[in-house]
Amino acid sequence: MAVATELLRARAAGVRAARQGDALSANPYRPAAATARERMLWRAWLTGYETVRPMRIDYSG
């Protein structure tokens, strides 16, 4: 499978997980993985997730 296809599928999986209400920790990829491929897939999944459920930042403190 081409890397671009994998990235698109990982992003779509992140969107799907967010819409289902899954926790952010449901990401099947690791941010500290040994391979750049898995780190890129982690980021793609996270990007998809955050399009539906953005991380809120509290600037009041």
N, C-alpha and C. Protein backbone atom coordinates (compact mmCIF):
# COMPACT_ATOMS: atom_id res chain seq x y z
N MET A 1 0.85 -1.17 0.00
CA MET A 1 0.00 0.00 0.00
C MET A 1 0.90 1.24 0.00
N ALA A 2 0.53 2.21 -0.78
CA ALA A 2 1.31 3.44 -0.87
C ALA A 2 1.19 4.23 0.43
N VAL A 3 2.23 4.94 0.75
CA VAL A 3 2.25 5.72 1.99
C VAL A 3 1.12 6.74 2.02
N ALA A 4 0.87 7.40 0.90
CA ALA A 4 -0.20 8.40 0.85
C ALA A 4 -1.56 7.77 1.18
N THR A 5 -1.79 6.58 0.68
CA THR A 5 -3.05 5.88 0.97
C THR A 5 -3.14 5.54 2.45
N GLU A 6 -2.04 5.09 3.02
CA GLU A 6 -2.01 4.78 4.45
C GLU A 6 -2.31 6.02 5.29
N LEU A 7 -1.73 7.15 4.89
CA LEU A 7 -1.97 8.40 5.62
C LEU A 7 -3.43 8.82 5.55
N LEU A 8 -4.02 8.70 4.39
CA LEU A 8 -5.44 9.05 4.24
C LEU A 8 -6.33 8.13 5.07
N ARG A 9 -6.00 6.85 5.09
CA ARG A 9 -6.78 5.91 5.88
C ARG A 9 -6.62 6.16 7.37
N ALA A 10 -5.42 6.50 7.80
CA ALA A 10 -5.18 6.79 9.21
C ALA A 10 -5.96 8.03 9.63
N ARG A 11 -5.96 9.06 8.77
CA ARG A 11 -6.71 10.28 9.08
C ARG A 11 -8.20 9.98 9.15
N ALA A 12 -8.71 9.20 8.21
CA ALA A 12 -10.13 8.84 8.22
C ALA A 12 -10.48 8.03 9.46
N ALA A 13 -9.57 7.18 9.90
CA ALA A 13 -9.81 6.40 11.12
C ALA A 13 -9.86 7.31 12.33
N GLY A 14 -9.04 8.36 12.35
CA GLY A 14 -9.08 9.32 13.44
C GLY A 14 -10.40 10.08 13.48
N VAL A 15 -10.88 10.47 12.33
CA VAL A 15 -12.18 11.16 12.24
C VAL A 15 -13.29 10.23 12.74
N ARG A 16 -13.25 8.99 12.29
CA ARG A 16 -14.25 8.01 12.70
C ARG A 16 -14.22 7.77 14.21
N ALA A 17 -13.03 7.68 14.78
CA ALA A 17 -12.90 7.47 16.22
C ALA A 17 -13.47 8.65 17.01
N ALA A 18 -13.20 9.85 16.54
CA ALA A 18 -13.70 11.04 17.24
C ALA A 18 -15.22 11.11 17.16
N ARG A 19 -15.79 10.78 16.02
CA ARG A 19 -17.24 10.81 15.86
C ARG A 19 -17.93 9.75 16.70
N GLN A 20 -17.23 8.63 16.95
CA GLN A 20 -17.79 7.57 17.79
C GLN A 20 -17.61 7.87 19.27
N GLY A 21 -16.86 8.92 19.57
CA GLY A 21 -16.66 9.29 20.96
C GLY A 21 -15.51 8.57 21.64
N ASP A 22 -14.65 7.95 20.86
CA ASP A 22 -13.48 7.26 21.43
C ASP A 22 -12.53 8.26 22.05
N ALA A 23 -11.78 7.80 23.02
CA ALA A 23 -10.80 8.66 23.69
C ALA A 23 -9.61 8.90 22.77
N LEU A 24 -8.90 9.95 23.04
CA LEU A 24 -7.70 10.28 22.26
C LEU A 24 -6.68 9.15 22.34
N SER A 25 -6.68 8.44 23.43
CA SER A 25 -5.73 7.33 23.60
C SER A 25 -6.06 6.12 22.73
N ALA A 26 -7.13 6.18 21.96
CA ALA A 26 -7.50 5.08 21.07
C ALA A 26 -6.62 5.03 19.82
N ASN A 27 -5.75 6.00 19.68
CA ASN A 27 -4.85 6.03 18.52
C ASN A 27 -4.00 4.76 18.51
N PRO A 28 -4.08 3.97 17.42
CA PRO A 28 -3.35 2.70 17.38
C PRO A 28 -1.85 2.87 17.09
N TYR A 29 -1.44 4.06 16.76
CA TYR A 29 -0.04 4.32 16.43
C TYR A 29 0.66 4.99 17.60
N ARG A 30 1.99 4.86 17.65
CA ARG A 30 2.76 5.42 18.76
C ARG A 30 3.54 6.65 18.32
N PRO A 31 3.52 7.72 19.11
CA PRO A 31 4.25 8.93 18.72
C PRO A 31 5.77 8.77 18.84
N ALA A 32 6.21 7.82 19.64
CA ALA A 32 7.65 7.59 19.83
C ALA A 32 8.09 6.28 19.18
N ALA A 33 7.44 5.93 18.08
CA ALA A 33 7.76 4.68 17.39
C ALA A 33 9.16 4.73 16.79
N ALA A 34 9.70 3.58 16.55
CA ALA A 34 11.05 3.49 15.99
C ALA A 34 11.10 3.91 14.52
N THR A 35 9.98 3.78 13.82
CA THR A 35 9.98 4.10 12.39
C THR A 35 9.27 5.41 12.11
N ALA A 36 9.77 6.13 11.14
CA ALA A 36 9.14 7.39 10.74
C ALA A 36 7.75 7.15 10.18
N ARG A 37 7.55 6.00 9.53
CA ARG A 37 6.25 5.66 8.95
C ARG A 37 5.18 5.65 10.04
N GLU A 38 5.45 4.97 11.16
CA GLU A 38 4.45 4.89 12.21
C GLU A 38 4.23 6.25 12.89
N ARG A 39 5.27 7.04 13.00
CA ARG A 39 5.11 8.38 13.58
C ARG A 39 4.26 9.25 12.67
N MET A 40 4.43 9.12 11.35
CA MET A 40 3.60 9.88 10.41
C MET A 40 2.15 9.42 10.49
N LEU A 41 1.92 8.12 10.63
CA LEU A 41 0.56 7.60 10.74
C LEU A 41 -0.08 8.07 12.05
N TRP A 42 0.73 8.16 13.12
CA TRP A 42 0.22 8.68 14.39
C TRP A 42 -0.27 10.11 14.21
N ARG A 43 0.53 10.92 13.55
CA ARG A 43 0.18 12.32 13.32
C ARG A 43 -1.05 12.43 12.43
N ALA A 44 -1.15 11.61 11.39
CA ALA A 44 -2.32 11.65 10.50
C ALA A 44 -3.59 11.28 11.26
N TRP A 45 -3.52 10.25 12.09
CA TRP A 45 -4.67 9.84 12.89
C TRP A 45 -5.08 10.98 13.82
N LEU A 46 -4.11 11.57 14.47
CA LEU A 46 -4.37 12.66 15.40
C LEU A 46 -4.98 13.87 14.69
N THR A 47 -4.50 14.18 13.51
CA THR A 47 -5.04 15.30 12.73
C THR A 47 -6.50 15.06 12.40
N GLY A 48 -6.84 13.84 11.99
CA GLY A 48 -8.24 13.51 11.72
C GLY A 48 -9.09 13.62 12.96
N TYR A 49 -8.58 13.13 14.06
CA TYR A 49 -9.31 13.18 15.34
C TYR A 49 -9.58 14.62 15.75
N GLU A 50 -8.58 15.46 15.62
CA GLU A 50 -8.70 16.85 16.07
C GLU A 50 -9.58 17.70 15.15
N THR A 51 -9.87 17.24 13.93
CA THR A 51 -10.80 18.00 13.09
C THR A 51 -12.22 17.90 13.63
N VAL A 52 -12.50 16.81 14.35
CA VAL A 52 -13.83 16.62 14.92
C VAL A 52 -13.87 17.07 16.38
N ARG A 53 -12.85 16.71 17.14
CA ARG A 53 -12.78 17.05 18.56
C ARG A 53 -11.47 17.77 18.86
N PRO A 54 -11.44 19.08 18.60
CA PRO A 54 -10.19 19.82 18.82
C PRO A 54 -9.81 19.87 20.29
N MET A 55 -8.52 19.91 20.53
CA MET A 55 -8.03 20.00 21.90
C MET A 55 -8.28 21.41 22.41
N ARG A 56 -8.94 21.51 23.54
CA ARG A 56 -9.21 22.82 24.12
C ARG A 56 -8.02 23.26 24.97
N ILE A 57 -7.66 24.51 24.82
CA ILE A 57 -6.54 25.07 25.59
C ILE A 57 -7.10 26.17 26.48
N ASP A 58 -6.82 26.07 27.76
CA ASP A 58 -7.29 27.06 28.73
C ASP A 58 -6.20 28.11 28.94
N TYR A 59 -6.43 29.31 28.44
CA TYR A 59 -5.46 30.39 28.55
C TYR A 59 -5.71 31.26 29.77
N SER A 60 -6.66 30.89 30.61
CA SER A 60 -7.00 31.75 31.75
C SER A 60 -6.00 31.68 32.90
N GLY A 61 -5.18 30.64 32.97
CA GLY A 61 -4.31 30.42 34.11
C GLY A 61 -3.00 31.04 33.98
